[in-house]
Amino acid sequence: MVTRVSVNPLDIPFLAGTRRGRRDSKCSGSSYLAGVDEDLAPLGVPAVVLGAMLIGGGLAALLLMTGWSRDYGSLLVIVAFVLYMSLAAALEVWGWRLIRRLHKSARRSSGGAAHPDIHR
């Protein structure tokens, strides 16, 4: 006995808003991503802190790079260092963008004030 199951990609929640790279008309831009931002918002500050620590560690590793390049080869060390620093910088930028988006949405929802207790 063979049972066929067909799945419509639009039934999968994270694919429901996209169709070949374009937004579906059912999902408006900001309301579709609002839940994602709210779920990831607490990760903004830890991402910035961790990104800064990784960048600091990468800068400290510059002192050891001459020995590593002698032992493992210059090309491997340079490629690994550039990849590491680019990922650390991407994490840092992602964290700052999350924090900025969170502050923008808080400002919009509170009527223009940066904090609900601050009034103009």
N, C-alpha and C. Protein backbone atom coordinates (compact mmCIF):
# COMPACT_ATOMS: atom_id res chain seq x y z
N MET A 1 0.84 -1.17 0.00
CA MET A 1 0.00 0.00 0.00
C MET A 1 0.89 1.24 0.00
N VAL A 2 0.67 2.12 -0.94
CA VAL A 2 1.45 3.34 -1.07
C VAL A 2 0.54 4.53 -0.80
N THR A 3 0.98 5.38 0.10
CA THR A 3 0.21 6.59 0.41
C THR A 3 1.00 7.78 -0.07
N ARG A 4 0.38 8.61 -0.84
CA ARG A 4 1.03 9.82 -1.31
C ARG A 4 0.60 11.00 -0.45
N VAL A 5 1.58 11.77 -0.10
CA VAL A 5 1.32 12.97 0.68
C VAL A 5 1.88 14.14 -0.10
N SER A 6 1.05 15.11 -0.34
CA SER A 6 1.55 16.31 -1.02
C SER A 6 1.44 17.48 -0.04
N VAL A 7 2.49 18.26 0.00
CA VAL A 7 2.54 19.40 0.90
C VAL A 7 2.61 20.66 0.07
N ASN A 8 1.74 21.57 0.36
CA ASN A 8 1.77 22.87 -0.28
C ASN A 8 2.76 23.75 0.48
N PRO A 9 3.79 24.30 -0.18
CA PRO A 9 4.76 25.13 0.54
C PRO A 9 4.14 26.32 1.25
N LEU A 10 2.98 26.77 0.79
CA LEU A 10 2.33 27.90 1.45
C LEU A 10 1.67 27.51 2.76
N ASP A 11 1.57 26.21 3.04
CA ASP A 11 1.03 25.76 4.32
C ASP A 11 2.07 25.79 5.42
N ILE A 12 3.34 25.88 5.06
CA ILE A 12 4.42 25.94 6.04
C ILE A 12 4.54 27.39 6.49
N PRO A 13 4.46 27.67 7.82
CA PRO A 13 4.36 29.05 8.30
C PRO A 13 5.49 29.96 7.85
N PHE A 14 6.76 29.52 7.88
CA PHE A 14 7.83 30.44 7.53
C PHE A 14 7.97 30.62 6.03
N LEU A 15 7.31 29.79 5.21
CA LEU A 15 7.31 29.98 3.77
C LEU A 15 6.06 30.65 3.27
N ALA A 16 5.09 30.86 4.15
CA ALA A 16 3.80 31.39 3.73
C ALA A 16 3.90 32.80 3.17
N GLY A 17 4.86 33.57 3.61
CA GLY A 17 4.96 34.95 3.15
C GLY A 17 5.81 35.15 1.93
N THR A 18 6.43 34.08 1.42
CA THR A 18 7.30 34.25 0.27
C THR A 18 6.86 33.33 -0.86
N ARG A 19 7.00 33.81 -2.03
CA ARG A 19 6.77 32.98 -3.21
C ARG A 19 7.82 33.37 -4.22
N ARG A 20 8.82 32.50 -4.37
CA ARG A 20 9.95 32.75 -5.27
C ARG A 20 10.63 34.08 -4.97
N GLY A 21 10.87 34.34 -3.69
CA GLY A 21 11.58 35.54 -3.29
C GLY A 21 10.72 36.78 -3.19
N ARG A 22 9.44 36.68 -3.49
CA ARG A 22 8.56 37.84 -3.41
C ARG A 22 7.53 37.61 -2.32
N ARG A 23 7.09 38.69 -1.73
CA ARG A 23 6.07 38.61 -0.69
C ARG A 23 4.72 38.28 -1.30
N ASP A 24 3.98 37.44 -0.61
CA ASP A 24 2.62 37.12 -1.02
C ASP A 24 1.72 38.28 -0.63
N SER A 25 0.65 38.47 -1.35
CA SER A 25 -0.23 39.60 -1.07
C SER A 25 -0.96 39.42 0.26
N LYS A 26 -1.01 38.20 0.78
CA LYS A 26 -1.69 37.96 2.05
C LYS A 26 -0.92 38.53 3.24
N CYS A 27 0.38 38.66 3.12
CA CYS A 27 1.22 39.07 4.24
C CYS A 27 1.76 40.47 3.99
N SER A 28 1.42 41.39 4.85
CA SER A 28 1.99 42.73 4.72
C SER A 28 3.38 42.71 5.35
N GLY A 29 4.26 43.58 4.88
CA GLY A 29 5.66 43.55 5.26
C GLY A 29 5.93 43.62 6.74
N SER A 30 5.51 44.68 7.42
CA SER A 30 5.88 44.85 8.83
C SER A 30 5.08 43.92 9.74
N SER A 31 3.82 43.65 9.42
CA SER A 31 3.03 42.78 10.29
C SER A 31 3.50 41.34 10.17
N TYR A 32 4.01 40.95 9.00
CA TYR A 32 4.49 39.59 8.82
C TYR A 32 5.75 39.36 9.65
N LEU A 33 6.64 40.33 9.72
CA LEU A 33 7.89 40.18 10.45
C LEU A 33 7.81 40.64 11.89
N ALA A 34 6.68 41.17 12.32
CA ALA A 34 6.57 41.70 13.68
C ALA A 34 6.77 40.60 14.72
N GLY A 35 6.21 39.43 14.50
CA GLY A 35 6.37 38.34 15.45
C GLY A 35 7.80 37.86 15.54
N VAL A 36 8.51 37.87 14.41
CA VAL A 36 9.91 37.45 14.39
C VAL A 36 10.75 38.42 15.21
N ASP A 37 10.53 39.72 15.02
CA ASP A 37 11.29 40.72 15.78
C ASP A 37 11.00 40.61 17.27
N GLU A 38 9.76 40.38 17.63
CA GLU A 38 9.43 40.27 19.05
C GLU A 38 10.08 39.03 19.67
N ASP A 39 10.16 37.95 18.91
CA ASP A 39 10.78 36.73 19.44
C ASP A 39 12.29 36.87 19.58
N LEU A 40 12.92 37.59 18.66
CA LEU A 40 14.37 37.73 18.67
C LEU A 40 14.87 38.95 19.43
N ALA A 41 13.98 39.84 19.83
CA ALA A 41 14.38 41.09 20.47
C ALA A 41 15.25 40.88 21.71
N PRO A 42 14.99 39.90 22.58
CA PRO A 42 15.86 39.74 23.75
C PRO A 42 17.30 39.33 23.40
N LEU A 43 17.55 38.91 22.17
CA LEU A 43 18.89 38.48 21.79
C LEU A 43 19.76 39.63 21.30
N GLY A 44 19.23 40.84 21.21
CA GLY A 44 19.99 41.97 20.69
C GLY A 44 21.19 42.32 21.53
N VAL A 45 20.99 42.53 22.81
CA VAL A 45 22.10 42.94 23.70
C VAL A 45 23.13 41.82 23.85
N PRO A 46 22.72 40.55 24.08
CA PRO A 46 23.75 39.51 24.14
C PRO A 46 24.54 39.36 22.83
N ALA A 47 23.89 39.59 21.69
CA ALA A 47 24.60 39.51 20.41
C ALA A 47 25.65 40.61 20.29
N VAL A 48 25.32 41.81 20.76
CA VAL A 48 26.28 42.92 20.72
C VAL A 48 27.46 42.63 21.65
N VAL A 49 27.18 42.14 22.84
CA VAL A 49 28.25 41.85 23.81
C VAL A 49 29.14 40.72 23.29
N LEU A 50 28.52 39.65 22.80
CA LEU A 50 29.30 38.52 22.29
C LEU A 50 30.09 38.93 21.04
N GLY A 51 29.48 39.72 20.17
CA GLY A 51 30.19 40.20 18.98
C GLY A 51 31.39 41.05 19.35
N ALA A 52 31.25 41.91 20.35
CA ALA A 52 32.37 42.74 20.78
C ALA A 52 33.49 41.88 21.39
N MET A 53 33.11 40.87 22.13
CA MET A 53 34.11 39.97 22.71
C MET A 53 34.84 39.19 21.61
N LEU A 54 34.12 38.74 20.61
CA LEU A 54 34.74 38.01 19.51
C LEU A 54 35.67 38.90 18.70
N ILE A 55 35.26 40.14 18.47
CA ILE A 55 36.12 41.07 17.74
C ILE A 55 37.37 41.38 18.56
N GLY A 56 37.21 41.57 19.86
CA GLY A 56 38.37 41.81 20.73
C GLY A 56 39.32 40.62 20.73
N GLY A 57 38.76 39.41 20.75
CA GLY A 57 39.61 38.22 20.68
C GLY A 57 40.33 38.10 19.36
N GLY A 58 39.65 38.49 18.29
CA GLY A 58 40.29 38.47 16.97
C GLY A 58 41.42 39.47 16.88
N LEU A 59 41.21 40.64 17.45
CA LEU A 59 42.28 41.65 17.44
C LEU A 59 43.45 41.20 18.31
N ALA A 60 43.17 40.52 19.42
CA ALA A 60 44.24 40.00 20.27
C ALA A 60 45.01 38.88 19.56
N ALA A 61 44.31 38.14 18.70
CA ALA A 61 44.96 37.05 17.97
C ALA A 61 45.93 37.55 16.91
N LEU A 62 45.86 38.84 16.57
CA LEU A 62 46.81 39.39 15.61
C LEU A 62 48.26 39.21 16.08
N LEU A 63 48.45 39.21 17.40
CA LEU A 63 49.80 39.04 17.94
C LEU A 63 50.36 37.66 17.64
N LEU A 64 49.49 36.66 17.52
CA LEU A 64 49.93 35.29 17.32
C LEU A 64 49.95 34.86 15.85
N MET A 65 49.50 35.74 14.97
CA MET A 65 49.33 35.33 13.58
C MET A 65 50.63 35.00 12.86
N THR A 66 51.73 35.63 13.22
CA THR A 66 52.99 35.32 12.53
C THR A 66 53.42 33.88 12.81
N GLY A 67 53.27 33.44 14.04
CA GLY A 67 53.61 32.06 14.38
C GLY A 67 52.67 31.07 13.70
N TRP A 68 51.40 31.38 13.69
CA TRP A 68 50.43 30.50 13.03
C TRP A 68 50.69 30.42 11.53
N SER A 69 51.03 31.55 10.92
CA SER A 69 51.27 31.52 9.47
C SER A 69 52.54 30.72 9.15
N ARG A 70 53.52 30.74 10.03
CA ARG A 70 54.71 29.90 9.85
C ARG A 70 54.35 28.42 9.98
N ASP A 71 53.51 28.09 10.97
CA ASP A 71 53.17 26.69 11.23
C ASP A 71 52.17 26.12 10.23
N TYR A 72 51.15 26.90 9.88
CA TYR A 72 50.04 26.36 9.10
C TYR A 72 49.93 26.93 7.69
N GLY A 73 50.69 27.93 7.38
CA GLY A 73 50.64 28.54 6.06
C GLY A 73 49.88 29.86 6.10
N SER A 74 50.39 30.81 5.36
CA SER A 74 49.82 32.16 5.39
C SER A 74 48.40 32.21 4.86
N LEU A 75 48.15 31.51 3.76
CA LEU A 75 46.83 31.57 3.14
C LEU A 75 45.75 31.03 4.07
N LEU A 76 46.01 29.90 4.69
CA LEU A 76 45.02 29.31 5.61
C LEU A 76 44.73 30.23 6.79
N VAL A 77 45.76 30.80 7.36
CA VAL A 77 45.58 31.67 8.52
C VAL A 77 44.83 32.94 8.14
N ILE A 78 45.16 33.52 6.99
CA ILE A 78 44.48 34.76 6.57
C ILE A 78 43.02 34.49 6.26
N VAL A 79 42.74 33.40 5.55
CA VAL A 79 41.35 33.06 5.22
C VAL A 79 40.55 32.79 6.50
N ALA A 80 41.12 32.04 7.43
CA ALA A 80 40.42 31.75 8.68
C ALA A 80 40.19 33.03 9.50
N PHE A 81 41.18 33.91 9.52
CA PHE A 81 41.04 35.15 10.28
C PHE A 81 39.97 36.06 9.67
N VAL A 82 39.98 36.19 8.35
CA VAL A 82 38.98 37.04 7.69
C VAL A 82 37.58 36.46 7.88
N LEU A 83 37.43 35.15 7.77
CA LEU A 83 36.13 34.52 7.99
C LEU A 83 35.65 34.72 9.42
N TYR A 84 36.55 34.52 10.38
CA TYR A 84 36.20 34.70 11.79
C TYR A 84 35.77 36.14 12.08
N MET A 85 36.56 37.10 11.60
CA MET A 85 36.24 38.50 11.87
C MET A 85 34.97 38.94 11.16
N SER A 86 34.72 38.43 9.96
CA SER A 86 33.49 38.81 9.27
C SER A 86 32.26 38.24 9.98
N LEU A 87 32.35 37.03 10.50
CA LEU A 87 31.23 36.48 11.26
C LEU A 87 31.02 37.22 12.58
N ALA A 88 32.10 37.60 13.23
CA ALA A 88 31.98 38.37 14.47
C ALA A 88 31.36 39.74 14.19
N ALA A 89 31.78 40.38 13.11
CA ALA A 89 31.22 41.68 12.75
C ALA A 89 29.74 41.55 12.34
N ALA A 90 29.40 40.48 11.65
CA ALA A 90 28.00 40.26 11.27
C ALA A 90 27.12 40.07 12.50
N LEU A 91 27.62 39.35 13.49
CA LEU A 91 26.86 39.17 14.73
C LEU A 91 26.68 40.51 15.44
N GLU A 92 27.72 41.32 15.46
CA GLU A 92 27.65 42.64 16.09
C GLU A 92 26.63 43.53 15.39
N VAL A 93 26.68 43.56 14.06
CA VAL A 93 25.74 44.39 13.30
C VAL A 93 24.32 43.89 13.47
N TRP A 94 24.12 42.58 13.47
CA TRP A 94 22.79 42.01 13.66
C TRP A 94 22.22 42.42 15.03
N GLY A 95 23.05 42.38 16.05
CA GLY A 95 22.60 42.78 17.39
C GLY A 95 22.21 44.25 17.44
N TRP A 96 23.04 45.12 16.83
CA TRP A 96 22.72 46.55 16.82
C TRP A 96 21.45 46.82 16.04
N ARG A 97 21.24 46.11 14.94
CA ARG A 97 20.02 46.32 14.15
C ARG A 97 18.79 45.86 14.92
N LEU A 98 18.91 44.75 15.67
CA LEU A 98 17.79 44.30 16.50
C LEU A 98 17.45 45.34 17.56
N ILE A 99 18.47 45.87 18.21
CA ILE A 99 18.24 46.87 19.25
C ILE A 99 17.60 48.12 18.66
N ARG A 100 18.11 48.57 17.51
CA ARG A 100 17.54 49.76 16.88
C ARG A 100 16.09 49.53 16.47
N ARG A 101 15.79 48.35 15.91
CA ARG A 101 14.42 48.05 15.51
C ARG A 101 13.49 47.99 16.73
N LEU A 102 13.99 47.46 17.84
CA LEU A 102 13.20 47.39 19.05
C LEU A 102 12.89 48.79 19.58
N HIS A 103 13.89 49.68 19.55
CA HIS A 103 13.68 51.05 20.02
C HIS A 103 12.74 51.82 19.10
N LYS A 104 12.84 51.58 17.79
CA LYS A 104 11.94 52.25 16.85
C LYS A 104 10.51 51.81 17.08
N SER A 105 10.29 50.51 17.29
CA SER A 105 8.93 50.03 17.51
C SER A 105 8.39 50.51 18.85
N ALA A 106 9.25 50.63 19.86
CA ALA A 106 8.80 51.14 21.16
C ALA A 106 8.44 52.62 21.05
N ARG A 107 9.23 53.37 20.26
CA ARG A 107 8.96 54.79 20.08
C ARG A 107 7.65 54.99 19.33
N ARG A 108 7.42 54.16 18.31
CA ARG A 108 6.19 54.27 17.53
C ARG A 108 4.97 53.93 18.36
N SER A 109 5.08 52.89 19.20
CA SER A 109 3.92 52.46 19.99
C SER A 109 3.64 53.40 21.16
N SER A 110 4.65 54.16 21.62
CA SER A 110 4.44 55.04 22.76
C SER A 110 4.12 56.47 22.33
N GLY A 111 3.94 56.69 21.06
CA GLY A 111 3.56 58.01 20.59
C GLY A 111 4.71 58.97 20.42
N GLY A 112 5.91 58.47 20.13
CA GLY A 112 7.03 59.35 19.84
C GLY A 112 8.07 59.41 20.93
N ALA A 113 7.73 59.05 22.14
CA ALA A 113 8.73 59.10 23.22
C ALA A 113 9.60 57.85 23.15
N ALA A 114 10.86 57.99 23.53
CA ALA A 114 11.78 56.87 23.48
C ALA A 114 11.44 55.83 24.53
N HIS A 115 10.86 56.24 25.62
CA HIS A 115 10.48 55.35 26.71
C HIS A 115 9.06 55.72 27.11
N PRO A 116 8.24 54.75 27.51
CA PRO A 116 6.86 55.08 27.87
C PRO A 116 6.73 56.11 28.99
N ASP A 117 7.74 56.21 29.87
CA ASP A 117 7.66 57.15 30.98
C ASP A 117 8.09 58.56 30.56
N ILE A 118 8.74 58.71 29.41
CA ILE A 118 9.21 60.00 28.94
C ILE A 118 8.16 60.60 28.03
N HIS A 119 7.73 61.79 28.36
CA HIS A 119 6.72 62.47 27.53
C HIS A 119 7.30 63.79 27.02
N ARG A 120 6.96 64.14 25.81
CA ARG A 120 7.44 65.42 25.24
C ARG A 120 6.59 66.55 25.68
